[in-house]
Amino acid sequence: MKEFNLLINGRPTPGALTMNVINPATGEAFAVSPRADAKQLDAAVQAAKAAFPAWSRLNVAARRAKIMAIADGVEGRLDELARLLTAEQGKPLRDAMGEIGGAAAILRVLASDGDDSVAVAERRN
């Protein structure tokens, strides 16, 4: 059975709690999902707050590059993520592939040179 971790302060971290992820088509657990306790939640919030100043200092081009890298990562794992989504939700694989591909596309649109979404966020900081 596949097990996952939380990501807190850039490090994979086992959850203080866990829960089984059930495939609705089979009724069987196929993965174990981490669940944070209050202490882990507080640690994640503190890590995000600590990381924000460095993100805020990045210029638009650097932010765009990071968002595009995330989109590349999602696309690079499209099949894996779509199969996981199908097992978790029971949706057809084709629909799951469209959903994951759509997430990568939205990231690209938000980071594109033709869209000022990232630049607007920079001006607000």
N, C-alpha and C. Protein backbone atom coordinates (compact mmCIF):
# COMPACT_ATOMS: atom_id res chain seq x y z
N MET A 1 0.86 -1.17 0.00
CA MET A 1 0.00 0.00 0.00
C MET A 1 0.91 1.24 0.00
N LYS A 2 0.59 2.19 -0.83
CA LYS A 2 1.38 3.41 -0.95
C LYS A 2 1.12 4.32 0.25
N GLU A 3 2.19 4.90 0.78
CA GLU A 3 2.07 5.83 1.90
C GLU A 3 2.62 7.18 1.47
N PHE A 4 2.00 8.24 1.95
CA PHE A 4 2.39 9.60 1.61
C PHE A 4 2.81 10.35 2.86
N ASN A 5 3.50 11.47 2.66
CA ASN A 5 3.93 12.32 3.75
C ASN A 5 3.36 13.73 3.58
N LEU A 6 3.37 14.48 4.65
CA LEU A 6 3.13 15.91 4.60
C LEU A 6 4.43 16.56 4.12
N LEU A 7 4.35 17.78 3.65
CA LEU A 7 5.54 18.55 3.31
C LEU A 7 5.53 19.78 4.20
N ILE A 8 6.42 19.80 5.18
CA ILE A 8 6.48 20.90 6.13
C ILE A 8 7.89 21.46 6.09
N ASN A 9 7.99 22.74 5.79
CA ASN A 9 9.27 23.42 5.71
C ASN A 9 10.22 22.75 4.72
N GLY A 10 9.64 22.29 3.60
CA GLY A 10 10.44 21.69 2.54
C GLY A 10 10.87 20.26 2.79
N ARG A 11 10.41 19.65 3.88
CA ARG A 11 10.83 18.29 4.21
C ARG A 11 9.63 17.35 4.29
N PRO A 12 9.75 16.16 3.69
CA PRO A 12 8.70 15.16 3.87
C PRO A 12 8.59 14.79 5.35
N THR A 13 7.37 14.81 5.85
CA THR A 13 7.14 14.57 7.27
C THR A 13 5.95 13.62 7.43
N PRO A 14 6.13 12.50 8.13
CA PRO A 14 4.98 11.63 8.38
C PRO A 14 3.92 12.38 9.19
N GLY A 15 2.68 12.13 8.91
CA GLY A 15 1.61 12.76 9.68
C GLY A 15 1.54 12.19 11.09
N ALA A 16 1.12 13.02 12.01
CA ALA A 16 0.90 12.53 13.37
C ALA A 16 -0.22 11.51 13.38
N LEU A 17 -1.13 11.66 12.45
CA LEU A 17 -2.26 10.75 12.27
C LEU A 17 -2.25 10.28 10.83
N THR A 18 -3.00 9.24 10.54
CA THR A 18 -3.14 8.77 9.16
C THR A 18 -4.59 8.36 8.92
N MET A 19 -4.90 8.20 7.66
CA MET A 19 -6.19 7.64 7.29
C MET A 19 -6.01 6.84 6.00
N ASN A 20 -6.77 5.77 5.89
CA ASN A 20 -6.75 4.98 4.67
C ASN A 20 -7.51 5.71 3.57
N VAL A 21 -7.00 5.59 2.35
CA VAL A 21 -7.68 6.14 1.18
C VAL A 21 -8.33 4.96 0.48
N ILE A 22 -9.64 5.04 0.33
CA ILE A 22 -10.42 3.92 -0.20
C ILE A 22 -10.76 4.15 -1.67
N ASN A 23 -10.51 3.14 -2.48
CA ASN A 23 -10.92 3.18 -3.88
C ASN A 23 -12.42 2.91 -3.93
N PRO A 24 -13.22 3.87 -4.40
CA PRO A 24 -14.67 3.66 -4.38
C PRO A 24 -15.14 2.54 -5.31
N ALA A 25 -14.33 2.18 -6.30
CA ALA A 25 -14.72 1.10 -7.20
C ALA A 25 -14.56 -0.27 -6.57
N THR A 26 -13.60 -0.39 -5.64
CA THR A 26 -13.33 -1.70 -5.04
C THR A 26 -13.67 -1.76 -3.55
N GLY A 27 -13.78 -0.60 -2.93
CA GLY A 27 -14.02 -0.56 -1.50
C GLY A 27 -12.78 -0.89 -0.68
N GLU A 28 -11.65 -1.05 -1.35
CA GLU A 28 -10.40 -1.41 -0.69
C GLU A 28 -9.50 -0.20 -0.50
N ALA A 29 -8.74 -0.22 0.59
CA ALA A 29 -7.74 0.83 0.81
C ALA A 29 -6.59 0.60 -0.17
N PHE A 30 -6.13 1.66 -0.80
CA PHE A 30 -5.00 1.55 -1.72
C PHE A 30 -3.83 2.43 -1.30
N ALA A 31 -4.06 3.32 -0.34
CA ALA A 31 -3.00 4.22 0.12
C ALA A 31 -3.29 4.65 1.55
N VAL A 32 -2.24 5.15 2.19
CA VAL A 32 -2.37 5.72 3.52
C VAL A 32 -2.01 7.19 3.40
N SER A 33 -2.93 8.04 3.82
CA SER A 33 -2.74 9.49 3.73
C SER A 33 -2.38 10.05 5.10
N PRO A 34 -1.42 10.98 5.12
CA PRO A 34 -1.06 11.59 6.41
C PRO A 34 -2.11 12.62 6.83
N ARG A 35 -2.24 12.79 8.12
CA ARG A 35 -3.10 13.83 8.68
C ARG A 35 -2.29 14.58 9.73
N ALA A 36 -2.28 15.87 9.61
CA ALA A 36 -1.52 16.69 10.56
C ALA A 36 -2.30 16.86 11.85
N ASP A 37 -1.58 16.95 12.95
CA ASP A 37 -2.20 17.36 14.20
C ASP A 37 -2.01 18.88 14.32
N ALA A 38 -2.48 19.46 15.40
CA ALA A 38 -2.40 20.92 15.57
C ALA A 38 -0.95 21.40 15.58
N LYS A 39 -0.07 20.63 16.18
CA LYS A 39 1.34 21.02 16.23
C LYS A 39 1.96 21.06 14.83
N GLN A 40 1.64 20.08 14.00
CA GLN A 40 2.15 20.06 12.64
C GLN A 40 1.53 21.18 11.80
N LEU A 41 0.28 21.46 12.03
CA LEU A 41 -0.37 22.57 11.33
C LEU A 41 0.33 23.87 11.67
N ASP A 42 0.57 24.09 12.95
CA ASP A 42 1.27 25.31 13.38
C ASP A 42 2.66 25.38 12.75
N ALA A 43 3.38 24.27 12.69
CA ALA A 43 4.71 24.24 12.09
C ALA A 43 4.65 24.59 10.60
N ALA A 44 3.63 24.07 9.90
CA ALA A 44 3.48 24.37 8.48
C ALA A 44 3.16 25.85 8.25
N VAL A 45 2.30 26.41 9.07
CA VAL A 45 1.96 27.83 8.96
C VAL A 45 3.20 28.69 9.24
N GLN A 46 3.95 28.34 10.27
CA GLN A 46 5.17 29.09 10.59
C GLN A 46 6.18 29.00 9.45
N ALA A 47 6.33 27.82 8.86
CA ALA A 47 7.26 27.66 7.74
C ALA A 47 6.83 28.51 6.55
N ALA A 48 5.53 28.55 6.28
CA ALA A 48 5.03 29.38 5.17
C ALA A 48 5.29 30.86 5.44
N LYS A 49 5.04 31.28 6.66
CA LYS A 49 5.30 32.68 7.02
C LYS A 49 6.78 33.01 6.88
N ALA A 50 7.63 32.09 7.29
CA ALA A 50 9.07 32.32 7.20
C ALA A 50 9.55 32.36 5.75
N ALA A 51 8.92 31.60 4.88
CA ALA A 51 9.32 31.55 3.47
C ALA A 51 8.81 32.74 2.67
N PHE A 52 7.76 33.38 3.14
CA PHE A 52 7.13 34.43 2.35
C PHE A 52 8.04 35.62 2.04
N PRO A 53 8.84 36.11 2.96
CA PRO A 53 9.69 37.26 2.61
C PRO A 53 10.63 36.97 1.43
N ALA A 54 11.21 35.78 1.38
CA ALA A 54 12.10 35.43 0.26
C ALA A 54 11.31 35.40 -1.05
N TRP A 55 10.11 34.83 -1.02
CA TRP A 55 9.26 34.80 -2.22
C TRP A 55 8.92 36.23 -2.63
N SER A 56 8.61 37.07 -1.69
CA SER A 56 8.22 38.45 -1.98
C SER A 56 9.35 39.24 -2.64
N ARG A 57 10.58 38.88 -2.34
CA ARG A 57 11.72 39.59 -2.92
C ARG A 57 12.04 39.14 -4.34
N LEU A 58 11.48 38.02 -4.79
CA LEU A 58 11.74 37.55 -6.15
C LEU A 58 11.09 38.48 -7.16
N ASN A 59 11.79 38.72 -8.26
CA ASN A 59 11.18 39.53 -9.31
C ASN A 59 10.19 38.67 -10.11
N VAL A 60 9.46 39.32 -11.00
CA VAL A 60 8.41 38.62 -11.76
C VAL A 60 8.98 37.45 -12.56
N ALA A 61 10.11 37.64 -13.20
CA ALA A 61 10.69 36.57 -14.02
C ALA A 61 11.03 35.35 -13.17
N ALA A 62 11.56 35.57 -11.99
CA ALA A 62 11.90 34.44 -11.11
C ALA A 62 10.65 33.73 -10.61
N ARG A 63 9.62 34.49 -10.28
CA ARG A 63 8.37 33.86 -9.84
C ARG A 63 7.77 33.05 -10.98
N ARG A 64 7.76 33.64 -12.16
CA ARG A 64 7.22 32.92 -13.32
C ARG A 64 7.98 31.61 -13.54
N ALA A 65 9.30 31.66 -13.45
CA ALA A 65 10.11 30.46 -13.67
C ALA A 65 9.77 29.38 -12.65
N LYS A 66 9.57 29.76 -11.41
CA LYS A 66 9.23 28.77 -10.37
C LYS A 66 7.85 28.16 -10.62
N ILE A 67 6.90 28.99 -11.00
CA ILE A 67 5.55 28.48 -11.28
C ILE A 67 5.57 27.57 -12.50
N MET A 68 6.34 27.94 -13.52
CA MET A 68 6.47 27.09 -14.71
C MET A 68 7.13 25.76 -14.34
N ALA A 69 8.09 25.78 -13.43
CA ALA A 69 8.74 24.53 -13.00
C ALA A 69 7.74 23.62 -12.30
N ILE A 70 6.83 24.20 -11.54
CA ILE A 70 5.79 23.39 -10.90
C ILE A 70 4.89 22.78 -11.97
N ALA A 71 4.52 23.58 -12.97
CA ALA A 71 3.70 23.06 -14.07
C ALA A 71 4.42 21.92 -14.79
N ASP A 72 5.73 22.08 -15.01
CA ASP A 72 6.52 21.01 -15.64
C ASP A 72 6.47 19.73 -14.79
N GLY A 73 6.58 19.90 -13.48
CA GLY A 73 6.54 18.75 -12.58
C GLY A 73 5.20 18.03 -12.63
N VAL A 74 4.12 18.81 -12.66
CA VAL A 74 2.78 18.21 -12.76
C VAL A 74 2.65 17.47 -14.08
N GLU A 75 3.05 18.10 -15.17
CA GLU A 75 2.95 17.44 -16.48
C GLU A 75 3.84 16.21 -16.56
N GLY A 76 5.01 16.27 -15.93
CA GLY A 76 5.92 15.13 -15.95
C GLY A 76 5.39 13.92 -15.20
N ARG A 77 4.46 14.16 -14.32
CA ARG A 77 3.86 13.07 -13.53
C ARG A 77 2.38 12.90 -13.87
N LEU A 78 1.98 13.37 -15.05
CA LEU A 78 0.57 13.35 -15.44
C LEU A 78 -0.06 11.98 -15.29
N ASP A 79 0.57 10.95 -15.84
CA ASP A 79 -0.01 9.61 -15.77
C ASP A 79 -0.15 9.14 -14.33
N GLU A 80 0.91 9.31 -13.55
CA GLU A 80 0.90 8.88 -12.14
C GLU A 80 -0.19 9.62 -11.35
N LEU A 81 -0.25 10.92 -11.51
CA LEU A 81 -1.24 11.72 -10.76
C LEU A 81 -2.67 11.40 -11.21
N ALA A 82 -2.87 11.20 -12.50
CA ALA A 82 -4.20 10.87 -13.01
C ALA A 82 -4.66 9.50 -12.49
N ARG A 83 -3.77 8.54 -12.46
CA ARG A 83 -4.13 7.21 -11.94
C ARG A 83 -4.45 7.28 -10.45
N LEU A 84 -3.70 8.07 -9.73
CA LEU A 84 -3.97 8.26 -8.31
C LEU A 84 -5.34 8.91 -8.10
N LEU A 85 -5.64 9.95 -8.88
CA LEU A 85 -6.92 10.63 -8.79
C LEU A 85 -8.07 9.68 -9.13
N THR A 86 -7.88 8.85 -10.13
CA THR A 86 -8.90 7.87 -10.51
C THR A 86 -9.15 6.87 -9.39
N ALA A 87 -8.08 6.38 -8.79
CA ALA A 87 -8.23 5.42 -7.69
C ALA A 87 -8.90 6.07 -6.48
N GLU A 88 -8.59 7.34 -6.23
CA GLU A 88 -9.14 8.03 -5.07
C GLU A 88 -10.61 8.40 -5.25
N GLN A 89 -10.96 8.87 -6.45
CA GLN A 89 -12.30 9.42 -6.65
C GLN A 89 -13.22 8.54 -7.49
N GLY A 90 -12.64 7.59 -8.21
CA GLY A 90 -13.46 6.73 -9.05
C GLY A 90 -13.83 7.34 -10.39
N LYS A 91 -13.24 8.49 -10.71
CA LYS A 91 -13.57 9.11 -11.99
C LYS A 91 -12.83 8.40 -13.12
N PRO A 92 -13.35 8.46 -14.33
CA PRO A 92 -12.66 7.83 -15.46
C PRO A 92 -11.25 8.41 -15.64
N LEU A 93 -10.32 7.56 -16.05
CA LEU A 93 -8.93 7.98 -16.21
C LEU A 93 -8.82 9.16 -17.18
N ARG A 94 -9.59 9.13 -18.25
CA ARG A 94 -9.55 10.23 -19.21
C ARG A 94 -9.92 11.56 -18.55
N ASP A 95 -10.93 11.55 -17.70
CA ASP A 95 -11.32 12.76 -16.99
C ASP A 95 -10.24 13.21 -16.02
N ALA A 96 -9.63 12.25 -15.33
CA ALA A 96 -8.56 12.58 -14.38
C ALA A 96 -7.37 13.18 -15.11
N MET A 97 -7.04 12.65 -16.28
CA MET A 97 -5.94 13.21 -17.07
C MET A 97 -6.26 14.64 -17.50
N GLY A 98 -7.50 14.88 -17.86
CA GLY A 98 -7.90 16.24 -18.21
C GLY A 98 -7.80 17.19 -17.03
N GLU A 99 -8.17 16.71 -15.85
CA GLU A 99 -8.12 17.55 -14.66
C GLU A 99 -6.68 17.89 -14.27
N ILE A 100 -5.81 16.91 -14.31
CA ILE A 100 -4.40 17.15 -13.96
C ILE A 100 -3.74 18.01 -15.04
N GLY A 101 -4.01 17.71 -16.28
CA GLY A 101 -3.48 18.54 -17.37
C GLY A 101 -4.00 19.97 -17.28
N GLY A 102 -5.25 20.12 -16.89
CA GLY A 102 -5.83 21.45 -16.71
C GLY A 102 -5.16 22.23 -15.60
N ALA A 103 -4.79 21.54 -14.52
CA ALA A 103 -4.09 22.21 -13.42
C ALA A 103 -2.75 22.76 -13.91
N ALA A 104 -2.02 21.96 -14.69
CA ALA A 104 -0.75 22.43 -15.25
C ALA A 104 -0.97 23.61 -16.19
N ALA A 105 -2.02 23.54 -16.98
CA ALA A 105 -2.32 24.63 -17.91
C ALA A 105 -2.66 25.93 -17.18
N ILE A 106 -3.41 25.81 -16.11
CA ILE A 106 -3.76 27.01 -15.32
C ILE A 106 -2.49 27.64 -14.74
N LEU A 107 -1.59 26.82 -14.23
CA LEU A 107 -0.33 27.35 -13.72
C LEU A 107 0.42 28.09 -14.83
N ARG A 108 0.45 27.51 -16.02
CA ARG A 108 1.16 28.16 -17.13
C ARG A 108 0.51 29.49 -17.52
N VAL A 109 -0.80 29.52 -17.54
CA VAL A 109 -1.50 30.77 -17.88
C VAL A 109 -1.20 31.84 -16.84
N LEU A 110 -1.26 31.47 -15.57
CA LEU A 110 -1.01 32.45 -14.51
C LEU A 110 0.43 32.97 -14.54
N ALA A 111 1.35 32.15 -15.01
CA ALA A 111 2.75 32.55 -15.03
C ALA A 111 3.19 33.11 -16.38
N SER A 112 2.32 33.10 -17.37
CA SER A 112 2.74 33.49 -18.72
C SER A 112 3.05 34.97 -18.82
N ASP A 113 3.88 35.29 -19.79
CA ASP A 113 4.26 36.69 -20.03
C ASP A 113 3.06 37.52 -20.46
N GLY A 114 2.09 36.88 -21.08
CA GLY A 114 0.93 37.61 -21.58
C GLY A 114 -0.10 37.91 -20.52
N ASP A 115 0.09 37.39 -19.31
CA ASP A 115 -0.87 37.57 -18.22
C ASP A 115 -0.16 38.30 -17.09
N ASP A 116 -0.77 39.32 -16.57
CA ASP A 116 -0.13 40.12 -15.52
C ASP A 116 -0.42 39.61 -14.12
N SER A 117 -0.94 38.38 -13.95
CA SER A 117 -1.29 37.88 -12.62
C SER A 117 -0.12 37.92 -11.66
N VAL A 118 1.04 37.45 -12.10
CA VAL A 118 2.22 37.44 -11.24
C VAL A 118 2.72 38.86 -11.00
N ALA A 119 2.69 39.68 -12.05
CA ALA A 119 3.16 41.06 -11.91
C ALA A 119 2.26 41.85 -10.97
N VAL A 120 0.96 41.61 -11.03
CA VAL A 120 0.02 42.31 -10.12
C VAL A 120 0.34 41.93 -8.69
N ALA A 121 0.61 40.66 -8.45
CA ALA A 121 0.95 40.22 -7.08
C ALA A 121 2.23 40.90 -6.62
N GLU A 122 3.18 41.08 -7.52
CA GLU A 122 4.44 41.74 -7.14
C GLU A 122 4.19 43.21 -6.75
N ARG A 123 3.33 43.88 -7.50
CA ARG A 123 3.05 45.29 -7.19
C ARG A 123 2.35 45.45 -5.85
N ARG A 124 1.63 44.45 -5.42
CA ARG A 124 0.92 44.52 -4.13
C ARG A 124 1.88 44.39 -2.95
N ASN A 125 3.03 43.78 -3.18
CA ASN A 125 3.97 43.54 -2.08
C ASN A 125 4.79 44.74 -1.80
